[in-house]
Protein backbone atom coordinates (compact mmCIF):
# COMPACT_ATOMS: atom_id res chain seq x y z
CA ALA A 1 33.59 3.21 -71.68
CA LEU A 2 31.17 4.56 -69.05
CA GLY A 3 32.70 2.50 -66.26
CA ILE A 4 29.32 1.36 -64.91
CA GLY A 5 29.74 -2.37 -65.66
CA THR A 6 27.54 -4.62 -67.74
CA ASP A 7 25.24 -5.38 -64.79
CA SER A 8 24.12 -1.76 -64.95
CA VAL A 9 23.11 -1.95 -68.63
CA ILE A 10 19.47 -2.59 -69.50
CA LEU A 11 18.77 -4.00 -72.94
CA ILE A 12 15.84 -2.58 -74.90
CA ARG A 13 13.95 -4.60 -77.49
CA CYS A 14 14.39 -3.81 -81.17
CA ASP A 15 12.12 -4.57 -84.09
CA GLU A 16 12.97 -6.93 -86.95
CA ARG A 17 14.86 -4.12 -88.71
CA GLY A 18 17.07 -3.37 -85.70
CA LYS A 19 15.28 -0.20 -84.52
CA MET A 20 14.77 0.42 -80.82
CA ILE A 21 11.14 0.06 -79.72
CA PRO A 22 10.24 3.26 -77.81
CA SER A 23 7.41 1.64 -75.83
CA ASP A 24 9.85 -0.96 -74.50
CA LEU A 25 12.32 1.80 -73.61
CA GLU A 26 9.70 3.62 -71.55
CA ARG A 27 8.53 0.39 -69.90
CA ARG A 28 12.09 -0.49 -68.92
CA ILE A 29 12.75 3.02 -67.56
CA LEU A 30 9.67 2.78 -65.35
CA GLU A 31 10.65 -0.72 -64.17
CA ALA A 32 14.14 0.47 -63.27
CA LYS A 33 12.81 3.48 -61.35
CA GLN A 34 10.35 1.26 -59.44
CA LYS A 35 13.32 -0.85 -58.35
CA GLY A 36 15.11 2.25 -57.05
CA PHE A 37 17.57 2.60 -59.91
CA VAL A 38 18.35 5.95 -61.54
CA PRO A 39 18.38 5.66 -65.33
CA PHE A 40 20.64 8.40 -66.68
CA LEU A 41 21.59 7.51 -70.27
CA VAL A 42 19.95 6.16 -73.41
CA SER A 43 22.31 5.28 -76.22
CA ALA A 44 20.47 5.54 -79.55
CA THR A 45 21.83 4.68 -82.98
CA ALA A 46 21.85 6.67 -86.21
CA GLY A 47 22.78 3.97 -88.69
CA THR A 48 23.87 0.54 -87.50
CA THR A 49 26.65 -1.28 -89.28
CA VAL A 50 24.64 -4.48 -89.80
CA TYR A 51 21.17 -3.24 -90.81
CA GLY A 52 21.81 0.44 -91.47
CA ALA A 53 18.97 1.02 -89.00
CA PHE A 54 18.16 4.39 -87.51
CA ASP A 55 16.44 4.34 -84.13
CA PRO A 56 13.26 6.46 -83.92
CA LEU A 57 15.25 9.38 -82.54
CA ILE A 58 12.40 11.85 -82.00
CA ALA A 59 10.31 9.35 -80.03
CA ILE A 60 13.35 8.36 -77.96
CA ALA A 61 14.21 12.03 -77.36
CA ASP A 62 10.67 12.68 -76.13
CA ILE A 63 10.95 9.83 -73.63
CA CYS A 64 14.38 11.01 -72.48
CA LYS A 65 13.08 14.55 -72.00
CA LYS A 66 10.07 13.25 -70.04
CA TYR A 67 12.29 11.36 -67.59
CA LYS A 68 15.26 13.78 -67.66
CA ILE A 69 17.66 11.20 -69.12
CA TRP A 70 20.67 12.03 -71.28
CA MET A 71 20.26 10.79 -74.85
CA HIS A 72 23.45 9.91 -76.69
CA VAL A 73 23.43 9.22 -80.44
C-alpha cells in the first residue's frame, strides 16, 4: 500500500508470542542508517489475528521519537 516495494521493507524479530523486539528494531534502524537508507515508518501491531499479540507500543514509540520515524499502529 505504501508503494515502496518489498525490497524496501526490513523485517524485525519478534518473540515467541509474536511481539516485536524493540532492541532488534533499534539495531535494524541503526544498520539501515549506516548503509545510507532513511527509515521513515515503523508499523506496529495492536492485536494480531493469530496470537492476539500487542507489540510493546511505548518502547517502540520511544525509539521512533528518538530517530524521528513515523509510527503506525
